[in-house]
C-alpha atoms as a PDB file:
ATOM      1  CA  MET A   1     104.746-175.794  60.574  1.00  0.00           C
ATOM      2  CA  THR A   2     103.424-173.186  63.018  1.00  0.00           C
ATOM      3  CA  THR A   3     104.394-173.174  66.755  1.00  0.00           C
ATOM      4  CA  GLY A   4     100.878-174.422  67.559  1.00  0.00           C
ATOM      5  CA  GLN A   5     101.140-177.404  65.255  1.00  0.00           C
ATOM      6  CA  LEU A   6     104.541-178.269  66.799  1.00  0.00           C
ATOM      7  CA  LEU A   7     103.243-178.212  70.294  1.00  0.00           C
ATOM      8  CA  ASP A   8     100.253-180.435  69.201  1.00  0.00           C
ATOM      9  CA  TYR A   9     102.650-183.129  68.272  1.00  0.00           C
ATOM     10  CA  TYR A  10     103.735-183.330  72.065  1.00  0.00           C
ATOM     11  CA  HIS A  11     100.503-182.626  73.643  1.00  0.00           C
ATOM     12  CA  GLY A  12     100.679-185.886  75.527  1.00  0.00           C
ATOM     13  CA  SER A  13     104.236-185.516  76.643  1.00  0.00           C
ATOM     14  CA  PRO A  14     105.393-184.272  80.123  1.00  0.00           C
ATOM     15  CA  LEU A  15     105.375-180.441  80.631  1.00  0.00           C
ATOM     16  CA  THR A  16     109.104-180.400  80.801  1.00  0.00           C
ATOM     17  CA  VAL A  17     109.438-181.987  77.227  1.00  0.00           C
ATOM     18  CA  ARG A  18     106.837-179.573  75.868  1.00  0.00           C
ATOM     19  CA  MET A  19     108.699-176.642  77.207  1.00  0.00           C
ATOM     20  CA  HIS A  20     112.075-177.895  75.934  1.00  0.00           C
ATOM     21  CA  VAL A  21     110.689-178.519  72.473  1.00  0.00           C
ATOM     22  CA  TYR A  22     109.013-175.074  72.353  1.00  0.00           C
ATOM     23  CA  GLY A  23     112.232-173.304  73.489  1.00  0.00           C
ATOM     24  CA  ARG A  24     114.332-175.234  70.795  1.00  0.00           C
ATOM     25  CA  TRP A  25     111.764-174.163  68.173  1.00  0.00           C
ATOM     26  CA  ARG A  26     111.750-170.536  69.062  1.00  0.00           C
ATOM     27  CA  LEU A  27     115.501-170.198  69.609  1.00  0.00           C
ATOM     28  CA  PHE A  28     116.682-171.428  66.123  1.00  0.00           C
ATOM     29  CA  SER A  29     115.017-171.373  62.670  1.00  0.00           C
ATOM     30  CA  PHE A  30     115.069-175.207  61.764  1.00  0.00           C
ATOM     31  CA  PRO A  31     113.405-174.321  58.348  1.00  0.00           C
ATOM     32  CA  ALA A  32     116.731-172.569  57.348  1.00  0.00           C
ATOM     33  CA  LEU A  33     118.270-176.154  57.333  1.00  0.00           C
ATOM     34  CA  LEU A  34     115.844-177.473  54.755  1.00  0.00           C
ATOM     35  CA  GLU A  35     117.716-176.216  51.659  1.00  0.00           C
ATOM     36  CA  TYR A  36     120.870-178.234  52.613  1.00  0.00           C
ATOM     37  CA  VAL A  37     118.934-181.545  52.909  1.00  0.00           C
ATOM     38  CA  SER A  38     119.416-183.970  49.918  1.00  0.00           C
ATOM     39  CA  LEU A  39     116.002-185.623  49.036  1.00  0.00           C
ATOM     40  CA  LYS A  40     117.792-188.485  47.132  1.00  0.00           C
ATOM     41  CA  GLY A  41     118.115-191.032  50.055  1.00  0.00           C
ATOM     42  CA  LYS A  42     117.816-191.444  53.785  1.00  0.00           C
ATOM     43  CA  LEU A  43     118.433-188.721  56.350  1.00  0.00           C
ATOM     44  CA  LEU A  44     120.117-189.747  59.572  1.00  0.00           C
ATOM     45  CA  ASP A  45     119.749-187.244  62.458  1.00  0.00           C
ATOM     46  CA  VAL A  46     122.273-188.131  65.175  1.00  0.00           C
ATOM     47  CA  GLY A  47     121.449-186.713  68.662  1.00  0.00           C
ATOM     48  CA  CYS A  48     118.019-186.340  67.778  1.00  0.00           C
ATOM     49  CA  GLY A  49     116.676-185.865  71.326  1.00  0.00           C
ATOM     50  CA  TYR A  50     112.944-185.706  71.320  1.00  0.00           C
ATOM     51  CA  GLY A  51     112.829-185.884  67.692  1.00  0.00           C
ATOM     52  CA  LEU A  52     111.953-182.205  66.967  1.00  0.00           C
ATOM     53  CA  TRP A  53     113.936-181.822  63.716  1.00  0.00           C
ATOM     54  CA  CYS A  54     113.033-185.184  62.497  1.00  0.00           C
ATOM     55  CA  PHE A  55     109.215-184.535  62.904  1.00  0.00           C
ATOM     56  CA  TYR A  56     109.542-181.268  61.069  1.00  0.00           C
ATOM     57  CA  LEU A  57     111.456-183.153  58.169  1.00  0.00           C
ATOM     58  CA  ALA A  58     108.838-185.831  58.109  1.00  0.00           C
ATOM     59  CA  SER A  59     106.227-183.314  57.884  1.00  0.00           C
ATOM     60  CA  GLN A  60     107.729-181.302  55.142  1.00  0.00           C
ATOM     61  CA  TYR A  61     109.027-184.197  53.097  1.00  0.00           C
ATOM     62  CA  PRO A  62     106.509-187.319  53.391  1.00  0.00           C
ATOM     63  CA  ASP A  63     108.676-189.428  50.913  1.00  0.00           C
ATOM     64  CA  LEU A  64     111.972-188.761  52.713  1.00  0.00           C
ATOM     65  CA  PRO A  65     113.150-191.626  54.954  1.00  0.00           C
ATOM     66  CA  VAL A  66     114.308-190.181  58.292  1.00  0.00           C
ATOM     67  CA  LEU A  67     116.065-192.053  60.998  1.00  0.00           C
ATOM     68  CA  GLY A  68     116.655-190.321  64.466  1.00  0.00           C
ATOM     69  CA  VAL A  69     119.228-191.764  66.918  1.00  0.00           C
ATOM     70  CA  ASP A  70     119.947-190.631  70.389  1.00  0.00           C
ATOM     71  CA  PRO A  71     121.948-192.276  73.448  1.00  0.00           C
ATOM     72  CA  ASP A  72     119.358-191.058  75.855  1.00  0.00           C
ATOM     73  CA  PRO A  73     116.542-194.018  76.021  1.00  0.00           C
ATOM     74  CA  ILE A  74     114.034-191.760  77.644  1.00  0.00           C
ATOM     75  CA  LYS A  75     114.010-189.258  74.714  1.00  0.00           C
ATOM     76  CA  ILE A  76     113.999-192.061  72.282  1.00  0.00           C
ATOM     77  CA  GLN A  77     110.970-193.415  74.088  1.00  0.00           C
ATOM     78  CA  ILE A  78     109.138-190.043  74.093  1.00  0.00           C
ATOM     79  CA  ALA A  79     109.906-189.609  70.373  1.00  0.00           C
ATOM     80  CA  ARG A  80     108.434-193.048  69.565  1.00  0.00           C
ATOM     81  CA  GLU A  81     105.383-192.480  71.455  1.00  0.00           C
ATOM     82  CA  VAL A  82     104.804-189.077  69.681  1.00  0.00           C
ATOM     83  CA  ASN A  83     105.420-190.922  66.375  1.00  0.00           C
ATOM     84  CA  GLU A  84     102.883-193.656  67.447  1.00  0.00           C
ATOM     85  CA  GLN A  85     100.295-190.797  67.592  1.00  0.00           C
ATOM     86  CA  GLN A  86     101.440-188.942  64.564  1.00  0.00           C
ATOM     87  CA  GLN A  87     101.900-192.003  62.474  1.00  0.00           C
ATOM     88  CA  PHE A  88     104.742-190.803  60.123  1.00  0.00           C
ATOM     89  CA  SER A  89     105.432-193.770  57.953  1.00  0.00           C
ATOM     90  CA  ASN A  90     108.825-192.180  56.799  1.00  0.00           C
ATOM     91  CA  LEU A  91     110.141-191.718  60.462  1.00  0.00           C
ATOM     92  CA  ASN A  92     111.787-194.223  62.760  1.00  0.00           C
ATOM     93  CA  PHE A  93     113.976-193.733  65.944  1.00  0.00           C
ATOM     94  CA  GLU A  94     116.656-195.862  67.473  1.00  0.00           C
ATOM     95  CA  PHE A  95     118.746-195.779  70.699  1.00  0.00           C
ATOM     96  CA  GLY A  96     122.373-195.310  70.090  1.00  0.00           C
ATOM     97  CA  ASP A  97     124.867-192.839  68.530  1.00  0.00           C
ATOM     98  CA  MET A  98     126.872-192.510  65.477  1.00  0.00           C
ATOM     99  CA  LEU A  99     129.560-194.842  66.556  1.00  0.00           C
ATOM    100  CA  THR A 100     127.379-197.535  67.965  1.00  0.00           C
ATOM    101  CA  ILE A 101     124.756-197.940  65.198  1.00  0.00           C
ATOM    102  CA  LYS A 102     125.029-200.107  62.240  1.00  0.00           C
ATOM    103  CA  ASN A 103     126.220-198.654  59.049  1.00  0.00           C
ATOM    104  CA  GLN A 104     123.467-196.774  57.176  1.00  0.00           C
ATOM    105  CA  GLU A 105     123.612-195.595  53.568  1.00  0.00           C
ATOM    106  CA  CYS A 106     122.516-192.118  53.746  1.00  0.00           C
ATOM    107  CA  ALA A 107     122.151-188.971  51.549  1.00  0.00           C
ATOM    108  CA  THR A 108     122.190-186.508  54.606  1.00  0.00           C
ATOM    109  CA  ILE A 109     123.691-186.820  58.095  1.00  0.00           C
ATOM    110  CA  SER A 110     122.732-184.069  60.384  1.00  0.00           C
ATOM    111  CA  LEU A 111     124.056-183.292  63.851  1.00  0.00           C
ATOM    112  CA  VAL A 112     122.217-180.378  65.316  1.00  0.00           C
ATOM    113  CA  ASP A 113     123.690-178.785  68.615  1.00  0.00           C
ATOM    114  CA  VAL A 114     125.350-182.142  69.335  1.00  0.00           C
ATOM    115  CA  MET A 115     129.149-181.927  68.728  1.00  0.00           C
ATOM    116  CA  TYR A 116     129.932-179.481  71.389  1.00  0.00           C
ATOM    117  CA  LEU A 117     129.087-182.323  74.080  1.00  0.00           C
ATOM    118  CA  ILE A 118     131.454-184.766  72.324  1.00  0.00           C
ATOM    119  CA  PRO A 119     135.368-184.887  73.015  1.00  0.00           C
ATOM    120  CA  HIS A 120     137.388-183.838  70.012  1.00  0.00           C
ATOM    121  CA  GLU A 121     138.815-187.146  69.312  1.00  0.00           C
ATOM    122  CA  GLN A 122     135.420-188.664  69.047  1.00  0.00           C
ATOM    123  CA  GLN A 123     134.137-185.712  66.949  1.00  0.00           C
ATOM    124  CA  THR A 124     136.868-186.942  64.316  1.00  0.00           C
ATOM    125  CA  GLU A 125     135.651-190.536  64.705  1.00  0.00           C
ATOM    126  CA  ILE A 126     132.162-189.418  64.055  1.00  0.00           C
ATOM    127  CA  ILE A 127     133.096-187.538  60.952  1.00  0.00           C
ATOM    128  CA  ARG A 128     134.948-190.587  59.595  1.00  0.00           C
ATOM    129  CA  LYS A 129     132.004-192.898  60.318  1.00  0.00           C
ATOM    130  CA  ALA A 130     129.746-190.376  58.685  1.00  0.00           C
ATOM    131  CA  TRP A 131     131.948-190.655  55.401  1.00  0.00           C
ATOM    132  CA  ASP A 132     131.550-194.164  55.339  1.00  0.00           C
ATOM    133  CA  CYS A 133     127.871-194.025  55.624  1.00  0.00           C
ATOM    134  CA  LEU A 134     127.257-191.289  53.022  1.00  0.00           C
ATOM    135  CA  GLN A 135     126.514-191.992  49.461  1.00  0.00           C
ATOM    136  CA  PRO A 136     128.507-190.135  46.671  1.00  0.00           C
ATOM    137  CA  ARG A 137     127.357-186.465  46.821  1.00  0.00           C
ATOM    138  CA  GLY A 138     126.116-187.077  50.321  1.00  0.00           C
ATOM    139  CA  LYS A 139     126.283-184.358  52.834  1.00  0.00           C
ATOM    140  CA  ILE A 140     127.009-183.947  56.493  1.00  0.00           C
ATOM    141  CA  LEU A 141     125.247-180.939  58.356  1.00  0.00           C
ATOM    142  CA  ILE A 142     126.922-179.949  61.517  1.00  0.00           C
ATOM    143  CA  LYS A 143     124.777-177.148  63.201  1.00  0.00           C
ATOM    144  CA  ASP A 144     127.069-175.717  66.016  1.00  0.00           C
ATOM    145  CA  MET A 145     127.662-172.493  67.923  1.00  0.00           C
ATOM    146  CA  GLY A 146     130.399-170.006  66.663  1.00  0.00           C
ATOM    147  CA  TYR A 147     132.681-167.906  68.748  1.00  0.00           C
ATOM    148  CA  SER A 148     131.585-164.656  67.317  1.00  0.00           C
ATOM    149  CA  PRO A 149     130.107-162.137  68.091  1.00  0.00           C
ATOM    150  CA  LYS A 150     131.599-162.750  71.610  1.00  0.00           C
ATOM    151  CA  TRP A 151     128.554-161.543  73.527  1.00  0.00           C
ATOM    152  CA  LYS A 152     126.346-164.294  71.767  1.00  0.00           C
ATOM    153  CA  PHE A 153     128.896-166.971  72.558  1.00  0.00           C
ATOM    154  CA  ALA A 154     129.037-165.887  76.131  1.00  0.00           C
ATOM    155  CA  TRP A 155     125.250-165.893  76.340  1.00  0.00           C
ATOM    156  CA  ASN A 156     125.120-169.546  74.877  1.00  0.00           C
ATOM    157  CA  TRP A 157     127.921-170.762  77.274  1.00  0.00           C
ATOM    158  CA  LEU A 158     125.989-169.498  80.178  1.00  0.00           C
ATOM    159  CA  GLU A 159     122.603-171.068  79.060  1.00  0.00           C
ATOM    160  CA  GLU A 160     124.417-174.311  78.114  1.00  0.00           C
ATOM    161  CA  THR A 161     125.974-174.373  81.566  1.00  0.00           C
ATOM    162  CA  ILE A 162     122.675-174.185  83.274  1.00  0.00           C
ATOM    163  CA  ALA A 163     120.937-176.580  81.003  1.00  0.00           C
ATOM    164  CA  VAL A 164     123.869-179.252  81.037  1.00  0.00           C
ATOM    165  CA  ARG A 165     125.713-178.941  84.364  1.00  0.00           C
ATOM    166  CA  LEU A 166     122.831-177.582  86.715  1.00  0.00           C
ATOM    167  CA  LEU A 167     119.498-178.924  85.168  1.00  0.00           C
ATOM    168  CA  GLY A 168     120.708-182.028  83.504  1.00  0.00           C
ATOM    169  CA  ILE A 169     118.544-181.377  80.413  1.00  0.00           C
ATOM    170  CA  THR A 170     121.181-182.466  77.921  1.00  0.00           C
ATOM    171  CA  MET A 171     123.669-185.413  78.573  1.00  0.00           C
ATOM    172  CA  GLY A 172     127.295-184.219  79.173  1.00  0.00           C
ATOM    173  CA  ARG A 173     129.601-182.536  81.559  1.00  0.00           C
ATOM    174  CA  ARG A 174     132.041-180.675  79.599  1.00  0.00           C
ATOM    175  CA  PHE A 175     131.963-178.524  76.413  1.00  0.00           C
ATOM    176  CA  TYR A 176     134.016-179.176  73.348  1.00  0.00           C
ATOM    177  CA  PHE A 177     133.484-176.187  71.151  1.00  0.00           C
ATOM    178  CA  ARG A 178     135.506-175.500  67.891  1.00  0.00           C
ATOM    179  CA  GLY A 179     136.096-172.195  66.105  1.00  0.00           C
ATOM    180  CA  GLU A 180     134.931-171.724  62.496  1.00  0.00           C
ATOM    181  CA  ASP A 181     138.337-172.466  60.919  1.00  0.00           C
ATOM    182  CA  GLU A 182     138.816-175.552  63.100  1.00  0.00           C
ATOM    183  CA  TRP A 183     135.554-177.122  61.926  1.00  0.00           C
ATOM    184  CA  THR A 184     136.169-176.145  58.159  1.00  0.00           C
ATOM    185  CA  LYS A 185     139.737-177.772  58.371  1.00  0.00           C
ATOM    186  CA  LEU A 186     138.623-180.743  60.083  1.00  0.00           C
ATOM    187  CA  LEU A 187     135.850-181.664  57.501  1.00  0.00           C
ATOM    188  CA  SER A 188     138.394-180.718  54.738  1.00  0.00           C
ATOM    189  CA  SER A 189     140.894-183.046  56.164  1.00  0.00           C
ATOM    190  CA  GLN A 190     138.601-185.924  55.998  1.00  0.00           C
ATOM    191  CA  GLY A 191     137.672-185.371  52.439  1.00  0.00           C
ATOM    192  CA  PHE A 192     134.779-183.222  52.471  1.00  0.00           C
ATOM    193  CA  SER A 193     134.077-180.187  50.295  1.00  0.00           C
ATOM    194  CA  THR A 194     133.097-177.744  53.005  1.00  0.00           C
ATOM    195  CA  HIS A 195     131.597-174.345  53.472  1.00  0.00           C
ATOM    196  CA  MET A 196     130.143-172.499  56.495  1.00  0.00           C
ATOM    197  CA  VAL A 197     126.749-170.650  56.741  1.00  0.00           C
ATOM    198  CA  ARG A 198     125.827-168.179  59.478  1.00  0.00           C
ATOM    199  CA  LEU A 199     122.454-168.661  60.630  1.00  0.00           C
ATOM    200  CA  ASP A 200     122.208-166.449  63.671  1.00  0.00           C
ATOM    201  CA  SER A 201     120.568-163.264  62.139  1.00  0.00           C
ATOM    202  CA  GLY A 202     117.900-162.169  64.604  1.00  0.00           C
ATOM    203  CA  TYR A 203     118.840-164.778  67.206  1.00  0.00           C
ATOM    204  CA  LEU A 204     120.633-164.493  70.461  1.00  0.00           C
ATOM    205  CA  HIS A 205     122.827-167.467  69.855  1.00  0.00           C
ATOM    206  CA  PRO A 206     125.747-167.727  67.465  1.00  0.00           C
ATOM    207  CA  HIS A 207     124.193-170.297  65.238  1.00  0.00           C
ATOM    208  CA  VAL A 208     126.677-171.534  62.568  1.00  0.00           C
ATOM    209  CA  LEU A 209     126.116-174.474  59.971  1.00  0.00           C
ATOM    210  CA  TYR A 210     129.026-176.444  58.423  1.00  0.00           C
ATOM    211  CA  VAL A 211     128.089-178.221  55.273  1.00  0.00           C
ATOM    212  CA  GLY A 212     130.482-180.955  54.082  1.00  0.00           C
ATOM    213  CA  GLU A 213     129.769-182.794  50.871  1.00  0.00           C
ATOM    214  CA  LYS A 214     131.323-186.080  49.858  1.00  0.00           C
ATOM    215  CA  PRO A 215     132.540-186.205  46.230  1.00  0.00           C
END
């Protein structure tokens, strides 16, 4: 998908939405996540926002059932409006979050730049719920920001402070980052076979992906 094609999806959306989507696409390589997605069952994207990652998945894998959920009703409404125009038959959006939606049997659960806005206790609850929803050999993909290198983490902290606390672009008031070892230990303690992948080469932000696989 080119940047132009991406923006075409949101051509009828407010300018602020189009700017947000464009920025998200330019600041992280979403295609780098594709190799970790299982094609043998539904993908649940938690905290889907305006649906950027979901629309990309639906366009790349027309036979992959994709469900995006988000606790912001405005973002869900916009995502649904975009999908009404694009008419992806394999894509749906629901209002809610990991702890409120009904159990879904999934092959993949993704949380892309979501967990840092959720208190640590709830992060653990989300991972437990994900375990219950995942089928055998299913995967949880947690895309977060690492602590290193320090200058990238500092830049990300400043940017998120502006976006979350000053502009209110993203829901939340505090940040709940975890270090690389913390995430790995947490996922492993819940039964997942876990490994970490750095995805920040060529980017200003310390992108890190944690992949947990259920036996």
